[in-house]
Each structure stands twice: as structure tokens, then as C-alpha cells.
Amino acid sequence: MRITKVTTKTGDTGQTGLGNGKRISKNSLRVNAMGAVDKLNSIIGWARVESNKQSDKALEEIQQDLFNLGGELAIPDVEMNLLKNSRIDWLGLNTEEINSLLPPLNEFILPGGSEFTARIHIARSECRDAERALIALSENEYVPDNHKKYINRLSDFFFVLSRIDNYKKGQKEIVWNYK
């Protein structure tokens, strides 16, 4: 797909075009889900500014995955299978691998630490927003199961990524004081 014109004026009335040519409200569940995934992708790009080489490579792969997911959302009723199930497996394996390097958690921890960690916590919470948007859409329209699985597992990945970054930098995790 080539983008030759950014301003088309076709969205001035509150409608947007999908990849299949259909026009829908910018307030629709589908556009909301697409926007939530796009926002998450932008936050990941912002987090990458502070990432190390290993994290940066993983985050770039995730951004590519999210573009695939968003592309599939933009063309409903067509099974494109751009987001492969192997990417869900990749997320799970990486999450478990990172988690195995960390001390166990007995309490909830507060988001924060290094600049990168704080940004990843924002990505994690935005990922949950994107997940809710996908679930809302799936209650009314077809959403591939692998989209929901990927987004659900992605927030877990962000959680352990934030923890390992703090751990490697010697940042103490601050436990939630629930008193």
C-alpha cells in the first residue's frame, strides 16, 4: 500500500474508510480498537528511545506485530492471518524466560523505576486498554482469537520487561503499601 495523499477530506464528516472500501463512523468499536492498537504502538516507539539493544529488537518486532494486527482490523471479514500464532508463542517464551531471571513477587509493585521502565509500564496499561477495545469489538463483530491472545500476553511481557530493566539497573521495586 502506498500513501500518496495524507489529507483526503473524506473523514471531515466523522466517517473513515476501511481497507475494504467500506466507510464507518470514527466512533465505531472497530475504529476505537484500531486507535487503541495504534496508540499502544506509538507508546512502544516512545519507550524504544530509552531501550537497550536487546529490548529494542523485541519492541520493534512487537511494533511490526501490532501493525499486522491493526491491518487485519482495518479489513474486516477477510482472514489475512498476518499476525501468526508463532508470535503468540514467541511472546510466551520470552515472558517466561525473562520471568525466570527475576526474584519472585509476593506483593504488588508500583509502576516506576528507570525512564524506560516507566514508559513500559505506560505501554502495559495502554495494552490493557487495547485489549478491552478488542474484546468490546469481538462482542459485536468477528475478531480473530489470536488477536485477543496476543494482546493479553503482550501486557504480561511488558510487566516482566519492566521488572527485568529495574533489576538489571539495581532499581528497587516499590511494594504497594495497602495499609
N, C-alpha and C. Protein backbone atom coordinates (compact mmCIF):
# COMPACT_ATOMS: atom_id res chain seq x y z
N MET A 1 0.85 -1.18 0.00
CA MET A 1 0.00 0.00 0.00
C MET A 1 0.89 1.24 0.00
N ARG A 2 0.60 2.16 -0.86
CA ARG A 2 1.36 3.40 -0.95
C ARG A 2 0.46 4.54 -0.49
N ILE A 3 1.01 5.37 0.39
CA ILE A 3 0.26 6.54 0.86
C ILE A 3 0.77 7.74 0.07
N THR A 4 -0.04 8.20 -0.85
CA THR A 4 0.37 9.32 -1.69
C THR A 4 -0.24 10.63 -1.24
N LYS A 5 -1.33 10.54 -0.47
CA LYS A 5 -2.02 11.74 -0.03
C LYS A 5 -2.43 11.55 1.42
N VAL A 6 -2.01 12.45 2.29
CA VAL A 6 -2.33 12.34 3.71
C VAL A 6 -3.69 12.94 4.00
N THR A 7 -3.94 14.14 3.51
CA THR A 7 -5.22 14.81 3.74
C THR A 7 -6.14 14.53 2.57
N THR A 8 -7.22 13.78 2.87
CA THR A 8 -8.17 13.43 1.81
C THR A 8 -9.50 14.17 1.96
N LYS A 9 -9.77 14.70 3.13
CA LYS A 9 -11.00 15.42 3.47
C LYS A 9 -12.22 14.50 3.52
N THR A 10 -12.04 13.22 3.25
CA THR A 10 -13.17 12.29 3.27
C THR A 10 -13.61 11.95 4.69
N GLY A 11 -12.79 12.27 5.68
CA GLY A 11 -13.16 12.00 7.06
C GLY A 11 -13.74 13.19 7.79
N ASP A 12 -13.94 14.28 7.08
CA ASP A 12 -14.42 15.51 7.71
C ASP A 12 -15.82 15.40 8.30
N THR A 13 -16.57 14.41 7.88
CA THR A 13 -17.95 14.27 8.37
C THR A 13 -18.08 13.19 9.45
N GLY A 14 -16.94 12.71 9.96
CA GLY A 14 -16.98 11.72 11.05
C GLY A 14 -16.98 10.28 10.58
N GLN A 15 -16.74 10.06 9.31
CA GLN A 15 -16.63 8.71 8.77
C GLN A 15 -15.18 8.46 8.37
N THR A 16 -14.78 7.19 8.38
CA THR A 16 -13.45 6.83 7.90
C THR A 16 -13.57 5.61 7.00
N GLY A 17 -12.59 5.45 6.16
CA GLY A 17 -12.60 4.32 5.24
C GLY A 17 -11.78 3.17 5.77
N LEU A 18 -12.31 1.96 5.63
CA LEU A 18 -11.57 0.75 5.98
C LEU A 18 -10.82 0.25 4.75
N GLY A 19 -9.97 -0.71 4.96
CA GLY A 19 -9.17 -1.25 3.86
C GLY A 19 -9.98 -1.94 2.79
N ASN A 20 -11.21 -2.33 3.11
CA ASN A 20 -12.08 -2.97 2.12
C ASN A 20 -12.96 -1.97 1.38
N GLY A 21 -12.76 -0.67 1.64
CA GLY A 21 -13.52 0.38 0.97
C GLY A 21 -14.77 0.82 1.70
N LYS A 22 -15.19 0.06 2.69
CA LYS A 22 -16.39 0.41 3.45
C LYS A 22 -16.10 1.63 4.33
N ARG A 23 -17.11 2.49 4.49
CA ARG A 23 -16.98 3.67 5.36
C ARG A 23 -17.78 3.43 6.62
N ILE A 24 -17.16 3.75 7.77
CA ILE A 24 -17.82 3.58 9.06
C ILE A 24 -17.55 4.79 9.94
N SER A 25 -18.33 4.91 11.00
CA SER A 25 -18.17 6.02 11.94
C SER A 25 -16.83 5.94 12.65
N LYS A 26 -16.22 7.09 12.83
CA LYS A 26 -14.98 7.15 13.59
C LYS A 26 -15.20 6.81 15.07
N ASN A 27 -16.47 6.75 15.47
CA ASN A 27 -16.82 6.40 16.84
C ASN A 27 -17.20 4.92 16.98
N SER A 28 -16.97 4.13 15.95
CA SER A 28 -17.35 2.71 15.98
C SER A 28 -16.39 1.91 16.87
N LEU A 29 -16.84 0.76 17.28
CA LEU A 29 -15.99 -0.14 18.07
C LEU A 29 -14.74 -0.55 17.30
N ARG A 30 -14.88 -0.75 16.00
CA ARG A 30 -13.72 -1.15 15.19
C ARG A 30 -12.67 -0.05 15.13
N VAL A 31 -13.11 1.17 14.87
CA VAL A 31 -12.16 2.28 14.81
C VAL A 31 -11.55 2.53 16.18
N ASN A 32 -12.33 2.36 17.24
CA ASN A 32 -11.79 2.50 18.58
C ASN A 32 -10.70 1.46 18.85
N ALA A 33 -10.93 0.23 18.44
CA ALA A 33 -9.93 -0.83 18.63
C ALA A 33 -8.68 -0.53 17.80
N MET A 34 -8.88 -0.11 16.55
CA MET A 34 -7.74 0.24 15.71
C MET A 34 -6.94 1.38 16.33
N GLY A 35 -7.63 2.38 16.87
CA GLY A 35 -6.96 3.51 17.50
C GLY A 35 -6.21 3.12 18.76
N ALA A 36 -6.78 2.20 19.54
CA ALA A 36 -6.11 1.75 20.76
C ALA A 36 -4.83 1.00 20.43
N VAL A 37 -4.87 0.18 19.39
CA VAL A 37 -3.67 -0.55 18.96
C VAL A 37 -2.63 0.43 18.41
N ASP A 38 -3.07 1.43 17.67
CA ASP A 38 -2.16 2.44 17.13
C ASP A 38 -1.52 3.25 18.26
N LYS A 39 -2.31 3.62 19.25
CA LYS A 39 -1.77 4.38 20.39
C LYS A 39 -0.74 3.54 21.14
N LEU A 40 -1.05 2.27 21.35
CA LEU A 40 -0.09 1.38 22.01
C LEU A 40 1.21 1.31 21.21
N ASN A 41 1.10 1.21 19.91
CA ASN A 41 2.29 1.14 19.07
C ASN A 41 3.12 2.41 19.18
N SER A 42 2.46 3.55 19.27
CA SER A 42 3.17 4.82 19.43
C SER A 42 3.89 4.89 20.77
N ILE A 43 3.25 4.41 21.81
CA ILE A 43 3.87 4.40 23.14
C ILE A 43 5.09 3.49 23.15
N ILE A 44 5.00 2.37 22.46
CA ILE A 44 6.16 1.47 22.36
C ILE A 44 7.30 2.18 21.64
N GLY A 45 6.99 2.91 20.58
CA GLY A 45 8.02 3.69 19.89
C GLY A 45 8.68 4.69 20.81
N TRP A 46 7.89 5.30 21.67
CA TRP A 46 8.42 6.26 22.65
C TRP A 46 9.30 5.53 23.66
N ALA A 47 8.90 4.35 24.09
CA ALA A 47 9.71 3.58 25.05
C ALA A 47 11.03 3.16 24.42
N ARG A 48 11.02 2.85 23.15
CA ARG A 48 12.24 2.39 22.48
C ARG A 48 13.35 3.42 22.52
N VAL A 49 13.01 4.68 22.63
CA VAL A 49 14.01 5.74 22.70
C VAL A 49 14.98 5.50 23.86
N GLU A 50 14.49 4.89 24.94
CA GLU A 50 15.28 4.64 26.14
C GLU A 50 15.73 3.18 26.29
N SER A 51 15.48 2.34 25.29
CA SER A 51 15.73 0.91 25.45
C SER A 51 17.17 0.53 25.11
N ASN A 52 17.58 -0.63 25.64
CA ASN A 52 18.87 -1.20 25.25
C ASN A 52 18.68 -1.98 23.95
N LYS A 53 19.77 -2.48 23.37
CA LYS A 53 19.69 -3.14 22.06
C LYS A 53 18.78 -4.36 22.08
N GLN A 54 18.87 -5.18 23.13
CA GLN A 54 18.06 -6.39 23.20
C GLN A 54 16.57 -6.06 23.31
N SER A 55 16.24 -5.14 24.20
CA SER A 55 14.84 -4.73 24.35
C SER A 55 14.34 -4.04 23.09
N ASP A 56 15.19 -3.23 22.48
CA ASP A 56 14.80 -2.50 21.28
C ASP A 56 14.41 -3.46 20.16
N LYS A 57 15.19 -4.52 19.99
CA LYS A 57 14.88 -5.50 18.94
C LYS A 57 13.53 -6.16 19.20
N ALA A 58 13.28 -6.56 20.44
CA ALA A 58 12.00 -7.19 20.79
C ALA A 58 10.85 -6.21 20.58
N LEU A 59 11.04 -4.97 20.99
CA LEU A 59 9.97 -3.97 20.87
C LEU A 59 9.68 -3.64 19.41
N GLU A 60 10.72 -3.62 18.57
CA GLU A 60 10.48 -3.40 17.14
C GLU A 60 9.66 -4.54 16.55
N GLU A 61 9.98 -5.77 16.94
CA GLU A 61 9.19 -6.92 16.47
C GLU A 61 7.74 -6.79 16.91
N ILE A 62 7.53 -6.35 18.14
CA ILE A 62 6.17 -6.16 18.65
C ILE A 62 5.45 -5.08 17.86
N GLN A 63 6.16 -4.00 17.53
CA GLN A 63 5.53 -2.95 16.72
C GLN A 63 5.10 -3.50 15.35
N GLN A 64 5.93 -4.34 14.76
CA GLN A 64 5.56 -4.97 13.49
C GLN A 64 4.31 -5.84 13.67
N ASP A 65 4.28 -6.60 14.78
CA ASP A 65 3.10 -7.44 15.06
C ASP A 65 1.85 -6.59 15.20
N LEU A 66 1.97 -5.46 15.89
CA LEU A 66 0.80 -4.60 16.09
C LEU A 66 0.33 -3.98 14.78
N PHE A 67 1.26 -3.68 13.87
CA PHE A 67 0.84 -3.20 12.56
C PHE A 67 0.09 -4.30 11.81
N ASN A 68 0.55 -5.54 11.94
CA ASN A 68 -0.17 -6.66 11.32
C ASN A 68 -1.57 -6.80 11.92
N LEU A 69 -1.66 -6.72 13.24
CA LEU A 69 -2.95 -6.81 13.91
C LEU A 69 -3.87 -5.67 13.45
N GLY A 70 -3.34 -4.46 13.45
CA GLY A 70 -4.13 -3.30 13.02
C GLY A 70 -4.56 -3.41 11.56
N GLY A 71 -3.68 -3.94 10.73
CA GLY A 71 -4.02 -4.15 9.32
C GLY A 71 -5.18 -5.11 9.16
N GLU A 72 -5.18 -6.16 9.97
CA GLU A 72 -6.29 -7.11 9.92
C GLU A 72 -7.58 -6.48 10.42
N LEU A 73 -7.48 -5.63 11.44
CA LEU A 73 -8.68 -4.94 11.94
C LEU A 73 -9.25 -4.00 10.89
N ALA A 74 -8.37 -3.42 10.07
CA ALA A 74 -8.80 -2.45 9.06
C ALA A 74 -9.49 -3.10 7.86
N ILE A 75 -9.36 -4.42 7.75
CA ILE A 75 -10.02 -5.12 6.64
C ILE A 75 -10.85 -6.25 7.23
N PRO A 76 -12.04 -5.90 7.75
CA PRO A 76 -12.89 -6.93 8.37
C PRO A 76 -13.40 -7.93 7.33
N ASP A 77 -13.79 -9.08 7.83
CA ASP A 77 -14.40 -10.13 7.00
C ASP A 77 -13.42 -10.78 6.02
N VAL A 78 -12.14 -10.51 6.19
CA VAL A 78 -11.12 -11.17 5.36
C VAL A 78 -10.10 -11.78 6.31
N GLU A 79 -9.91 -13.08 6.23
CA GLU A 79 -8.95 -13.78 7.08
C GLU A 79 -7.57 -13.67 6.44
N MET A 80 -6.78 -12.70 6.87
CA MET A 80 -5.47 -12.46 6.27
C MET A 80 -4.36 -13.21 6.98
N ASN A 81 -4.54 -13.48 8.26
CA ASN A 81 -3.55 -14.21 9.06
C ASN A 81 -2.17 -13.56 9.01
N LEU A 82 -2.15 -12.24 9.12
CA LEU A 82 -0.87 -11.52 9.18
C LEU A 82 -0.19 -11.72 10.53
N LEU A 83 -0.98 -11.74 11.59
CA LEU A 83 -0.43 -11.97 12.93
C LEU A 83 -0.43 -13.47 13.18
N LYS A 84 0.73 -14.06 13.07
CA LYS A 84 0.87 -15.52 13.15
C LYS A 84 0.81 -16.00 14.60
N ASN A 85 0.30 -17.22 14.77
CA ASN A 85 0.27 -17.84 16.10
C ASN A 85 1.67 -18.01 16.68
N SER A 86 2.66 -18.14 15.82
CA SER A 86 4.05 -18.27 16.29
C SER A 86 4.48 -17.03 17.08
N ARG A 87 3.87 -15.89 16.80
CA ARG A 87 4.20 -14.66 17.53
C ARG A 87 3.65 -14.71 18.96
N ILE A 88 2.52 -15.38 19.14
CA ILE A 88 1.98 -15.58 20.49
C ILE A 88 2.92 -16.49 21.27
N ASP A 89 3.39 -17.55 20.61
CA ASP A 89 4.36 -18.45 21.24
C ASP A 89 5.64 -17.70 21.61
N TRP A 90 6.12 -16.85 20.70
CA TRP A 90 7.32 -16.06 20.94
C TRP A 90 7.15 -15.19 22.19
N LEU A 91 5.99 -14.53 22.29
CA LEU A 91 5.73 -13.69 23.47
C LEU A 91 5.76 -14.52 24.74
N GLY A 92 5.09 -15.66 24.72
CA GLY A 92 5.04 -16.51 25.90
C GLY A 92 6.41 -17.00 26.33
N LEU A 93 7.21 -17.45 25.36
CA LEU A 93 8.55 -17.93 25.68
C LEU A 93 9.42 -16.83 26.24
N ASN A 94 9.37 -15.66 25.63
CA ASN A 94 10.17 -14.54 26.12
C ASN A 94 9.72 -14.07 27.49
N THR A 95 8.43 -14.07 27.73
CA THR A 95 7.91 -13.68 29.04
C THR A 95 8.42 -14.64 30.11
N GLU A 96 8.32 -15.93 29.84
CA GLU A 96 8.77 -16.93 30.82
C GLU A 96 10.28 -16.87 31.02
N GLU A 97 11.02 -16.67 29.94
CA GLU A 97 12.48 -16.59 30.05
C GLU A 97 12.90 -15.40 30.92
N ILE A 98 12.31 -14.25 30.68
CA ILE A 98 12.64 -13.07 31.49
C ILE A 98 12.21 -13.28 32.93
N ASN A 99 11.02 -13.81 33.11
CA ASN A 99 10.50 -14.00 34.47
C ASN A 99 11.37 -14.96 35.28
N SER A 100 11.98 -15.94 34.61
CA SER A 100 12.83 -16.91 35.31
C SER A 100 14.09 -16.26 35.88
N LEU A 101 14.46 -15.10 35.38
CA LEU A 101 15.64 -14.38 35.86
C LEU A 101 15.34 -13.46 37.03
N LEU A 102 14.07 -13.34 37.39
CA LEU A 102 13.64 -12.37 38.40
C LEU A 102 13.32 -13.04 39.73
N PRO A 103 13.52 -12.29 40.83
CA PRO A 103 13.07 -12.81 42.12
C PRO A 103 11.54 -12.88 42.13
N PRO A 104 10.97 -13.85 42.84
CA PRO A 104 9.51 -13.96 42.87
C PRO A 104 8.87 -12.74 43.54
N LEU A 105 7.65 -12.46 43.13
CA LEU A 105 6.88 -11.36 43.72
C LEU A 105 5.94 -11.91 44.77
N ASN A 106 5.90 -11.27 45.92
CA ASN A 106 4.95 -11.64 46.97
C ASN A 106 3.89 -10.57 47.15
N GLU A 107 4.12 -9.40 46.59
CA GLU A 107 3.22 -8.25 46.74
C GLU A 107 3.10 -7.55 45.39
N PHE A 108 2.11 -6.70 45.28
CA PHE A 108 2.01 -5.84 44.11
C PHE A 108 3.10 -4.78 44.18
N ILE A 109 3.59 -4.37 43.01
CA ILE A 109 4.61 -3.32 42.97
C ILE A 109 4.04 -2.10 42.25
N LEU A 110 4.59 -0.94 42.61
CA LEU A 110 4.16 0.30 41.98
C LEU A 110 4.92 0.49 40.66
N PRO A 111 4.24 0.98 39.63
CA PRO A 111 4.94 1.27 38.38
C PRO A 111 5.98 2.36 38.59
N GLY A 112 7.12 2.21 37.96
CA GLY A 112 8.16 3.23 38.06
C GLY A 112 9.54 2.61 38.00
N GLY A 113 10.51 3.42 38.32
CA GLY A 113 11.90 2.99 38.28
C GLY A 113 12.66 3.85 37.29
N SER A 114 13.31 3.20 36.35
CA SER A 114 14.06 3.94 35.33
C SER A 114 13.08 4.58 34.33
N GLU A 115 13.62 5.46 33.51
CA GLU A 115 12.80 6.10 32.47
C GLU A 115 12.17 5.05 31.55
N PHE A 116 12.99 4.09 31.12
CA PHE A 116 12.49 3.03 30.24
C PHE A 116 11.40 2.22 30.93
N THR A 117 11.63 1.86 32.17
CA THR A 117 10.66 1.06 32.91
C THR A 117 9.33 1.80 33.04
N ALA A 118 9.38 3.07 33.36
CA ALA A 118 8.15 3.85 33.49
C ALA A 118 7.39 3.88 32.16
N ARG A 119 8.12 4.02 31.06
CA ARG A 119 7.47 4.03 29.75
C ARG A 119 6.86 2.67 29.41
N ILE A 120 7.54 1.60 29.80
CA ILE A 120 7.00 0.26 29.55
C ILE A 120 5.76 0.02 30.40
N HIS A 121 5.73 0.56 31.61
CA HIS A 121 4.51 0.45 32.42
C HIS A 121 3.34 1.19 31.76
N ILE A 122 3.62 2.31 31.13
CA ILE A 122 2.56 3.02 30.39
C ILE A 122 2.10 2.15 29.21
N ALA A 123 3.05 1.54 28.52
CA ALA A 123 2.69 0.63 27.42
C ALA A 123 1.85 -0.54 27.95
N ARG A 124 2.21 -1.07 29.10
CA ARG A 124 1.47 -2.19 29.70
C ARG A 124 0.03 -1.80 29.98
N SER A 125 -0.16 -0.63 30.59
CA SER A 125 -1.53 -0.21 30.91
C SER A 125 -2.31 0.15 29.64
N GLU A 126 -1.65 0.73 28.66
CA GLU A 126 -2.31 1.01 27.38
C GLU A 126 -2.66 -0.29 26.65
N CYS A 127 -1.82 -1.29 26.84
CA CYS A 127 -2.09 -2.60 26.24
C CYS A 127 -3.40 -3.16 26.80
N ARG A 128 -3.64 -2.97 28.08
CA ARG A 128 -4.90 -3.42 28.68
C ARG A 128 -6.09 -2.65 28.09
N ASP A 129 -5.89 -1.36 27.82
CA ASP A 129 -6.96 -0.59 27.15
C ASP A 129 -7.24 -1.15 25.75
N ALA A 130 -6.17 -1.47 25.02
CA ALA A 130 -6.34 -2.04 23.69
C ALA A 130 -7.05 -3.40 23.77
N GLU A 131 -6.71 -4.16 24.80
CA GLU A 131 -7.37 -5.45 24.98
C GLU A 131 -8.87 -5.27 25.22
N ARG A 132 -9.23 -4.32 26.07
CA ARG A 132 -10.65 -4.07 26.32
C ARG A 132 -11.36 -3.62 25.04
N ALA A 133 -10.69 -2.81 24.23
CA ALA A 133 -11.29 -2.36 22.97
C ALA A 133 -11.50 -3.55 22.01
N LEU A 134 -10.53 -4.46 21.97
CA LEU A 134 -10.68 -5.65 21.13
C LEU A 134 -11.81 -6.55 21.61
N ILE A 135 -11.91 -6.70 22.93
CA ILE A 135 -12.98 -7.53 23.50
C ILE A 135 -14.34 -6.91 23.19
N ALA A 136 -14.45 -5.59 23.37
CA ALA A 136 -15.72 -4.91 23.06
C ALA A 136 -16.10 -5.13 21.60
N LEU A 137 -15.13 -5.01 20.71
CA LEU A 137 -15.40 -5.25 19.29
C LEU A 137 -15.82 -6.70 19.06
N SER A 138 -15.13 -7.63 19.72
CA SER A 138 -15.41 -9.05 19.50
C SER A 138 -16.79 -9.47 20.00
N GLU A 139 -17.36 -8.68 20.89
CA GLU A 139 -18.71 -8.98 21.38
C GLU A 139 -19.78 -8.61 20.35
N ASN A 140 -19.38 -7.87 19.32
CA ASN A 140 -20.32 -7.43 18.28
C ASN A 140 -19.93 -7.88 16.87
N GLU A 141 -18.64 -8.08 16.66
CA GLU A 141 -18.13 -8.45 15.34
C GLU A 141 -17.03 -9.48 15.52
N TYR A 142 -16.70 -10.14 14.43
CA TYR A 142 -15.64 -11.15 14.47
C TYR A 142 -14.28 -10.51 14.67
N VAL A 143 -13.54 -11.03 15.64
CA VAL A 143 -12.14 -10.67 15.86
C VAL A 143 -11.39 -12.00 16.02
N PRO A 144 -10.35 -12.22 15.24
CA PRO A 144 -9.62 -13.49 15.37
C PRO A 144 -9.13 -13.72 16.80
N ASP A 145 -9.23 -14.96 17.24
CA ASP A 145 -8.80 -15.31 18.60
C ASP A 145 -7.35 -14.95 18.86
N ASN A 146 -6.50 -15.09 17.83
CA ASN A 146 -5.09 -14.80 18.05
C ASN A 146 -4.84 -13.32 18.35
N HIS A 147 -5.72 -12.43 17.91
CA HIS A 147 -5.58 -11.01 18.27
C HIS A 147 -5.76 -10.83 19.77
N LYS A 148 -6.79 -11.45 20.30
CA LYS A 148 -7.07 -11.32 21.74
C LYS A 148 -5.98 -11.98 22.57
N LYS A 149 -5.53 -13.14 22.13
CA LYS A 149 -4.45 -13.84 22.85
C LYS A 149 -3.17 -13.01 22.85
N TYR A 150 -2.82 -12.48 21.68
CA TYR A 150 -1.58 -11.71 21.56
C TYR A 150 -1.60 -10.50 22.49
N ILE A 151 -2.66 -9.73 22.45
CA ILE A 151 -2.74 -8.52 23.27
C ILE A 151 -2.73 -8.88 24.76
N ASN A 152 -3.41 -9.94 25.13
CA ASN A 152 -3.43 -10.36 26.53
C ASN A 152 -2.02 -10.74 27.00
N ARG A 153 -1.31 -11.48 26.20
CA ARG A 153 0.04 -11.93 26.59
C ARG A 153 1.05 -10.79 26.51
N LEU A 154 0.78 -9.82 25.64
CA LEU A 154 1.70 -8.70 25.49
C LEU A 154 1.80 -7.90 26.77
N SER A 155 0.70 -7.69 27.46
CA SER A 155 0.77 -6.92 28.71
C SER A 155 1.60 -7.67 29.76
N ASP A 156 1.53 -9.00 29.77
CA ASP A 156 2.38 -9.79 30.67
C ASP A 156 3.85 -9.60 30.32
N PHE A 157 4.15 -9.60 29.02
CA PHE A 157 5.52 -9.38 28.57
C PHE A 157 6.03 -8.02 29.05
N PHE A 158 5.21 -6.99 28.89
CA PHE A 158 5.62 -5.67 29.33
C PHE A 158 5.89 -5.64 30.84
N PHE A 159 5.08 -6.36 31.60
CA PHE A 159 5.28 -6.38 33.04
C PHE A 159 6.65 -6.96 33.40
N VAL A 160 7.00 -8.12 32.83
CA VAL A 160 8.30 -8.71 33.17
C VAL A 160 9.44 -7.90 32.56
N LEU A 161 9.21 -7.28 31.41
CA LEU A 161 10.25 -6.43 30.81
C LEU A 161 10.54 -5.24 31.72
N SER A 162 9.52 -4.66 32.30
CA SER A 162 9.73 -3.54 33.22
C SER A 162 10.50 -4.00 34.46
N ARG A 163 10.15 -5.17 34.96
CA ARG A 163 10.83 -5.69 36.15
C ARG A 163 12.30 -6.01 35.87
N ILE A 164 12.60 -6.63 34.74
CA ILE A 164 13.99 -7.00 34.46
C ILE A 164 14.84 -5.76 34.23
N ASP A 165 14.26 -4.73 33.64
CA ASP A 165 15.02 -3.50 33.44
C ASP A 165 15.40 -2.88 34.78
N ASN A 166 14.45 -2.79 35.69
CA ASN A 166 14.77 -2.28 37.02
C ASN A 166 15.79 -3.16 37.72
N TYR A 167 15.62 -4.46 37.62
CA TYR A 167 16.51 -5.43 38.27
C TYR A 167 17.95 -5.25 37.77
N LYS A 168 18.13 -5.17 36.46
CA LYS A 168 19.47 -5.02 35.88
C LYS A 168 20.10 -3.68 36.22
N LYS A 169 19.28 -2.67 36.44
CA LYS A 169 19.79 -1.34 36.77
C LYS A 169 19.90 -1.11 38.27
N GLY A 170 19.58 -2.14 39.06
CA GLY A 170 19.68 -2.02 40.51
C GLY A 170 18.59 -1.16 41.13
N GLN A 171 17.52 -0.93 40.40
CA GLN A 171 16.40 -0.14 40.91
C GLN A 171 15.54 -1.02 41.82
N LYS A 172 15.31 -0.56 43.01
CA LYS A 172 14.48 -1.32 43.95
C LYS A 172 13.01 -1.20 43.54
N GLU A 173 12.32 -2.34 43.58
CA GLU A 173 10.88 -2.32 43.31
C GLU A 173 10.16 -1.83 44.56
N ILE A 174 9.25 -0.90 44.36
CA ILE A 174 8.50 -0.34 45.48
C ILE A 174 7.20 -1.11 45.61
N VAL A 175 7.03 -1.71 46.78
CA VAL A 175 5.85 -2.54 47.05
C VAL A 175 4.67 -1.65 47.42
N TRP A 176 3.50 -2.04 46.96
CA TRP A 176 2.26 -1.33 47.30
C TRP A 176 2.03 -1.43 48.80
N ASN A 177 1.87 -0.27 49.42
CA ASN A 177 1.58 -0.20 50.85
C ASN A 177 0.07 -0.11 51.01
N TYR A 178 -0.56 -1.23 51.25
CA TYR A 178 -2.03 -1.31 51.27
C TYR A 178 -2.64 -1.03 52.63
N LYS A 179 -1.87 -0.44 53.52
CA LYS A 179 -2.37 -0.16 54.87
C LYS A 179 -3.21 1.09 54.89
